[in-house]
């Protein structure tokens, strides 16, 4: 019963797609981030660097352009950090739409 309860809580805070995961950020209530999924890391074990940059590169953007794209088109909030700006989404549906776009883009690349 405890395992089931923990699993349900995890599912409420995370939406897993094939290549990217939508996850509620622990630092800002009711805001979401897009991160590579375990499947991403299993498929590309040698990939190194910041996971924050992967979606930008997938779209052909610099990281700064990616941040602005998310802010201007998906109402993302940008938070300064130690190395990279973090992109979060107050609207879960906006984040979900962008994560689906990234998944579809990644599917096209992997199939080719």
C-alpha atoms as a PDB file:
ATOM      1  CA  UNK A   1       0.000   0.000   0.000  1.00  0.00           C
ATOM      2  CA  UNK A   2       2.833   2.413   0.799  1.00  0.00           C
ATOM      3  CA  UNK A   3       4.511   1.636  -2.539  1.00  0.00           C
ATOM      4  CA  UNK A   4       1.270   2.325  -4.406  1.00  0.00           C
ATOM      5  CA  UNK A   5       0.778   5.627  -2.574  1.00  0.00           C
ATOM      6  CA  UNK A   6       4.342   6.747  -3.376  1.00  0.00           C
ATOM      7  CA  UNK A   7       3.876   5.729  -7.022  1.00  0.00           C
ATOM      8  CA  UNK A   8       0.658   7.762  -7.273  1.00  0.00           C
ATOM      9  CA  UNK A   9       2.380  10.808  -5.781  1.00  0.00           C
ATOM     10  CA  UNK A  10       5.236  10.442  -8.256  1.00  0.00           C
ATOM     11  CA  UNK A  11       2.820  10.173 -11.179  1.00  0.00           C
ATOM     12  CA  UNK A  12       1.006  13.327 -10.081  1.00  0.00           C
ATOM     13  CA  UNK A  13       4.286  15.285 -10.132  1.00  0.00           C
ATOM     14  CA  UNK A  14       5.700  13.859 -13.357  1.00  0.00           C
ATOM     15  CA  UNK A  15       4.477  13.196 -16.884  1.00  0.00           C
ATOM     16  CA  UNK A  16       6.790  10.838 -18.730  1.00  0.00           C
ATOM     17  CA  UNK A  17       6.912  10.735 -22.496  1.00  0.00           C
ATOM     18  CA  UNK A  18       9.362   8.783 -24.567  1.00  0.00           C
ATOM     19  CA  UNK A  19      12.304  11.190 -24.696  1.00  0.00           C
ATOM     20  CA  UNK A  20      11.422  14.017 -22.317  1.00  0.00           C
ATOM     21  CA  UNK A  21       9.842  14.203 -18.891  1.00  0.00           C
ATOM     22  CA  UNK A  22       7.621  16.934 -17.581  1.00  0.00           C
ATOM     23  CA  UNK A  23       8.362  17.368 -13.896  1.00  0.00           C
ATOM     24  CA  UNK A  24       7.089  19.698 -11.204  1.00  0.00           C
ATOM     25  CA  UNK A  25       9.980  21.761  -9.923  1.00  0.00           C
ATOM     26  CA  UNK A  26      10.728  21.450  -6.211  1.00  0.00           C
ATOM     27  CA  UNK A  27      11.799  25.106  -6.006  1.00  0.00           C
ATOM     28  CA  UNK A  28       8.703  26.878  -7.363  1.00  0.00           C
ATOM     29  CA  UNK A  29       5.234  25.608  -6.480  1.00  0.00           C
ATOM     30  CA  UNK A  30       3.023  24.662  -9.412  1.00  0.00           C
ATOM     31  CA  UNK A  31       5.752  25.230 -12.003  1.00  0.00           C
ATOM     32  CA  UNK A  32       7.032  22.592 -14.391  1.00  0.00           C
ATOM     33  CA  UNK A  33      10.327  21.824 -16.109  1.00  0.00           C
ATOM     34  CA  UNK A  34      11.143  19.700 -19.150  1.00  0.00           C
ATOM     35  CA  UNK A  35      13.981  17.220 -18.693  1.00  0.00           C
ATOM     36  CA  UNK A  36      15.369  14.312 -20.718  1.00  0.00           C
ATOM     37  CA  UNK A  37      13.804  11.000 -19.671  1.00  0.00           C
ATOM     38  CA  UNK A  38      15.583   7.858 -18.539  1.00  0.00           C
ATOM     39  CA  UNK A  39      14.974   6.489 -22.041  1.00  0.00           C
ATOM     40  CA  UNK A  40      16.997   9.409 -23.425  1.00  0.00           C
ATOM     41  CA  UNK A  41      19.973   8.596 -21.198  1.00  0.00           C
ATOM     42  CA  UNK A  42      19.692   4.840 -21.819  1.00  0.00           C
ATOM     43  CA  UNK A  43      19.708   5.385 -25.589  1.00  0.00           C
ATOM     44  CA  UNK A  44      22.565   7.913 -25.527  1.00  0.00           C
ATOM     45  CA  UNK A  45      24.767   6.863 -22.595  1.00  0.00           C
ATOM     46  CA  UNK A  46      27.769   8.895 -23.725  1.00  0.00           C
ATOM     47  CA  UNK A  47      25.949  12.225 -23.767  1.00  0.00           C
ATOM     48  CA  UNK A  48      27.609  14.687 -21.422  1.00  0.00           C
ATOM     49  CA  UNK A  49      26.971  18.270 -20.361  1.00  0.00           C
ATOM     50  CA  UNK A  50      23.994  20.091 -18.971  1.00  0.00           C
ATOM     51  CA  UNK A  51      20.635  18.495 -19.642  1.00  0.00           C
ATOM     52  CA  UNK A  52      19.164  21.997 -19.832  1.00  0.00           C
ATOM     53  CA  UNK A  53      20.811  22.533 -23.216  1.00  0.00           C
ATOM     54  CA  UNK A  54      19.478  19.398 -24.967  1.00  0.00           C
ATOM     55  CA  UNK A  55      16.074  20.814 -25.981  1.00  0.00           C
ATOM     56  CA  UNK A  56      17.749  23.959 -27.344  1.00  0.00           C
ATOM     57  CA  UNK A  57      20.158  21.939 -29.473  1.00  0.00           C
ATOM     58  CA  UNK A  58      17.345  19.694 -30.655  1.00  0.00           C
ATOM     59  CA  UNK A  59      15.615  22.778 -32.047  1.00  0.00           C
ATOM     60  CA  UNK A  60      18.794  24.328 -33.435  1.00  0.00           C
ATOM     61  CA  UNK A  61      18.779  27.187 -30.895  1.00  0.00           C
ATOM     62  CA  UNK A  62      21.467  28.610 -28.696  1.00  0.00           C
ATOM     63  CA  UNK A  63      20.516  28.238 -25.054  1.00  0.00           C
ATOM     64  CA  UNK A  64      19.724  31.956 -24.794  1.00  0.00           C
ATOM     65  CA  UNK A  65      17.453  31.766 -27.851  1.00  0.00           C
ATOM     66  CA  UNK A  66      15.763  28.690 -26.358  1.00  0.00           C
ATOM     67  CA  UNK A  67      15.031  30.563 -23.118  1.00  0.00           C
ATOM     68  CA  UNK A  68      13.535  33.484 -25.026  1.00  0.00           C
ATOM     69  CA  UNK A  69      11.541  31.110 -27.280  1.00  0.00           C
ATOM     70  CA  UNK A  70      10.003  29.388 -24.247  1.00  0.00           C
ATOM     71  CA  UNK A  71       9.251  32.706 -22.546  1.00  0.00           C
ATOM     72  CA  UNK A  72       7.730  34.346 -25.643  1.00  0.00           C
ATOM     73  CA  UNK A  73       5.769  31.358 -26.998  1.00  0.00           C
ATOM     74  CA  UNK A  74       4.973  29.184 -23.965  1.00  0.00           C
ATOM     75  CA  UNK A  75       4.756  31.742 -21.132  1.00  0.00           C
ATOM     76  CA  UNK A  76       7.794  30.272 -19.375  1.00  0.00           C
ATOM     77  CA  UNK A  77       9.497  31.924 -16.442  1.00  0.00           C
ATOM     78  CA  UNK A  78      13.275  32.262 -16.438  1.00  0.00           C
ATOM     79  CA  UNK A  79      15.259  31.940 -13.222  1.00  0.00           C
ATOM     80  CA  UNK A  80      18.949  32.733 -12.885  1.00  0.00           C
ATOM     81  CA  UNK A  81      21.159  30.051 -11.437  1.00  0.00           C
ATOM     82  CA  UNK A  82      24.808  29.390 -10.894  1.00  0.00           C
ATOM     83  CA  UNK A  83      25.598  28.403 -14.506  1.00  0.00           C
ATOM     84  CA  UNK A  84      22.444  28.238 -16.599  1.00  0.00           C
ATOM     85  CA  UNK A  85      19.137  30.024 -16.569  1.00  0.00           C
ATOM     86  CA  UNK A  86      16.374  27.580 -15.648  1.00  0.00           C
ATOM     87  CA  UNK A  87      13.177  27.557 -17.720  1.00  0.00           C
ATOM     88  CA  UNK A  88       9.977  26.739 -15.814  1.00  0.00           C
ATOM     89  CA  UNK A  89       6.355  26.737 -16.912  1.00  0.00           C
ATOM     90  CA  UNK A  90       3.570  27.960 -14.605  1.00  0.00           C
ATOM     91  CA  UNK A  91       1.041  26.463 -17.010  1.00  0.00           C
ATOM     92  CA  UNK A  92       1.349  22.681 -17.165  1.00  0.00           C
ATOM     93  CA  UNK A  93      -0.408  22.512 -20.526  1.00  0.00           C
ATOM     94  CA  UNK A  94       2.114  24.876 -22.109  1.00  0.00           C
ATOM     95  CA  UNK A  95       4.955  22.695 -20.850  1.00  0.00           C
ATOM     96  CA  UNK A  96       3.168  19.555 -22.008  1.00  0.00           C
ATOM     97  CA  UNK A  97       2.653  20.983 -25.508  1.00  0.00           C
ATOM     98  CA  UNK A  98       6.330  21.874 -25.805  1.00  0.00           C
ATOM     99  CA  UNK A  99       7.457  18.499 -24.419  1.00  0.00           C
ATOM    100  CA  UNK A 100       5.290  16.706 -27.006  1.00  0.00           C
ATOM    101  CA  UNK A 101       6.850  18.855 -29.725  1.00  0.00           C
ATOM    102  CA  UNK A 102      10.328  17.887 -28.485  1.00  0.00           C
ATOM    103  CA  UNK A 103       9.351  14.202 -28.356  1.00  0.00           C
ATOM    104  CA  UNK A 104       8.079  14.329 -31.944  1.00  0.00           C
ATOM    105  CA  UNK A 105      11.229  16.105 -33.091  1.00  0.00           C
ATOM    106  CA  UNK A 106      13.428  13.544 -31.340  1.00  0.00           C
ATOM    107  CA  UNK A 107      11.428  10.679 -32.890  1.00  0.00           C
ATOM    108  CA  UNK A 108      12.152  12.065 -36.355  1.00  0.00           C
ATOM    109  CA  UNK A 109      15.873  12.314 -35.633  1.00  0.00           C
ATOM    110  CA  UNK A 110      16.175   8.838 -34.146  1.00  0.00           C
ATOM    111  CA  UNK A 111      14.258   7.222 -37.027  1.00  0.00           C
ATOM    112  CA  UNK A 112      16.426   8.844 -39.720  1.00  0.00           C
END
